[in-house]
Protein backbone atom coordinates (compact mmCIF):
# COMPACT_ATOMS: atom_id res chain seq x y z
CA MET A 1 193.23 168.88 -118.41
CA ARG A 2 191.72 172.47 -116.62
CA ALA A 3 189.05 172.44 -119.30
CA GLN A 4 188.12 168.59 -118.49
CA LEU A 5 188.17 169.95 -114.46
CA GLN A 6 185.60 172.75 -115.90
CA VAL A 7 183.43 170.54 -117.31
CA ILE A 8 183.00 167.81 -114.73
CA LYS A 9 182.63 170.77 -111.85
CA GLY A 10 180.22 172.21 -114.20
CA TYR A 11 178.00 168.49 -114.34
CA PHE A 12 177.84 168.74 -110.80
CA THR A 13 176.87 172.15 -110.38
CA GLY A 14 173.94 174.87 -111.64
CA ILE A 15 171.31 173.38 -113.49
CA HIS A 16 173.10 169.64 -113.85
CA ARG A 17 172.54 169.93 -109.95
CA ILE A 18 169.19 170.52 -109.36
CA ARG A 19 168.13 167.78 -112.18
CA HIS A 20 170.51 165.13 -109.82
CA LEU A 21 168.62 165.98 -106.83
CA LEU A 22 165.19 166.34 -108.41
CA VAL A 23 165.81 162.41 -110.03
CA ALA A 24 167.17 161.14 -106.46
CA LEU A 25 164.30 162.87 -104.73
CA ILE A 26 162.07 160.99 -106.84
CA ALA A 27 163.13 157.56 -106.54
CA LEU A 28 163.89 158.07 -102.72
CA VAL A 29 159.77 158.65 -103.24
CA VAL A 30 159.23 155.80 -104.77
CA SER A 31 161.58 153.69 -103.02
CA ASP A 32 159.76 154.45 -99.95
CA GLY A 33 156.38 153.58 -101.04
CA VAL A 34 157.71 150.51 -102.74
CA ILE A 35 159.08 149.06 -99.47
CA SER A 36 156.48 150.88 -97.13
CA TYR A 37 153.77 149.12 -99.35
CA PHE A 38 155.32 145.31 -98.82
CA LEU A 39 156.09 145.67 -94.90
CA ILE A 40 152.12 146.80 -94.63
CA ARG A 41 151.29 143.84 -97.00
CA GLN A 42 153.08 141.54 -94.38
CA GLY A 43 152.10 143.26 -91.42
CA VAL A 44 155.23 144.12 -89.98
CA ALA A 45 154.55 147.71 -90.48
CA ARG A 46 152.06 150.20 -90.73
CA GLU A 47 152.01 154.28 -92.69
CA VAL A 48 152.70 156.52 -90.36
CA ASN A 49 151.38 159.51 -92.57
CA PRO A 50 147.65 159.77 -91.30
CA PHE A 51 146.95 160.97 -94.93
CA LEU A 52 147.92 158.27 -97.08
CA ARG A 53 147.09 155.61 -94.19
CA THR A 54 143.79 154.82 -95.72
CA LEU A 55 145.20 154.39 -99.40
CA VAL A 56 147.66 151.79 -97.99
CA GLY A 57 145.50 148.80 -98.48
CA GLY A 58 144.09 149.72 -102.16
CA GLY A 59 146.03 150.11 -105.49
CA ASN A 60 145.94 153.67 -105.06
CA PHE A 61 148.94 154.20 -102.81
CA LEU A 62 151.88 153.92 -105.05
CA VAL A 63 150.46 155.51 -107.69
CA ILE A 64 149.59 158.48 -105.11
CA LYS A 65 153.29 158.60 -104.48
CA VAL A 66 154.67 158.48 -107.66
CA ILE A 67 152.49 161.32 -108.85
CA GLY A 68 153.05 162.80 -105.44
CA ALA A 69 156.63 162.60 -105.90
CA LEU A 70 156.53 164.13 -109.57
CA LEU A 71 154.55 167.39 -108.49
CA ALA A 72 157.08 167.37 -105.60
CA ALA A 73 159.46 167.70 -108.27
CA PHE A 74 157.59 169.84 -110.68
CA ILE A 75 157.14 172.47 -107.90
CA LEU A 76 160.95 172.42 -107.16
CA TRP A 77 162.22 172.86 -110.79
CA ASP A 78 159.92 175.34 -110.93
CA ILE A 79 161.04 177.27 -107.70
CA TYR A 80 164.68 176.64 -109.52
CA LYS A 81 163.63 179.00 -112.07
CA HIS A 82 163.27 181.91 -109.38
CA ARG A 83 164.93 181.12 -106.80
CA PRO A 84 167.69 178.45 -107.31
CA ARG A 85 169.60 178.55 -104.38
CA LEU A 86 166.15 177.96 -102.38
CA ALA A 87 165.90 175.08 -104.22
CA VAL A 88 168.82 173.41 -104.05
CA ILE A 89 168.46 173.78 -100.46
CA SER A 90 165.28 172.47 -100.18
CA SER A 91 166.07 169.57 -102.70
CA ARG A 92 169.10 168.75 -99.97
CA CYS A 93 166.87 168.50 -97.35
CA PHE A 94 163.58 166.50 -99.01
CA VAL A 95 166.52 163.81 -100.06
CA GLY A 96 168.28 163.84 -96.54
CA LEU A 97 164.83 163.30 -95.39
CA TYR A 98 163.57 160.68 -97.12
CA SER A 99 167.11 158.99 -97.42
CA GLY A 100 166.44 158.48 -93.67
CA ILE A 101 163.03 157.11 -94.26
CA VAL A 102 164.33 154.60 -96.53
CA ALA A 103 166.28 153.63 -94.58
CA TRP A 104 164.27 153.16 -92.16
CA ASN A 105 162.01 151.39 -93.60
CA LEU A 106 165.17 148.97 -95.42
CA SER A 107 166.05 148.79 -91.39
CA VAL A 108 162.55 147.08 -90.89
CA PHE A 109 162.44 144.70 -93.33
CA PHE A 110 166.09 143.07 -93.05
CA THR A 111 165.18 143.23 -88.99
CA THR A 112 161.69 141.30 -89.82
CA GLN A 113 163.25 138.97 -92.25
CA VAL A 114 165.27 136.50 -89.92
């Protein structure tokens, strides 16, 4: 029983923890992009990020969001190799930030779908 608990504990610490955080971050950034794109196309929202505002109307918006999410994950993974604690803390902050953004987008979506 103790060995099984150690395996479970190991799964949520170390390299598995950063992998889970990075997968969550990628999923949240892509979710933000998909929901934002839908809301903007419906005319109920606008892109707040001035760098992405001009790209929203075109088909490149989602591609750029996916590439940006993957690039951020690779950078955080590289940081993890040298400074694991910094990478985990940074990843947690970004996951928290994007969780809030996705929650906000979903609240806008559900309040406008009346």
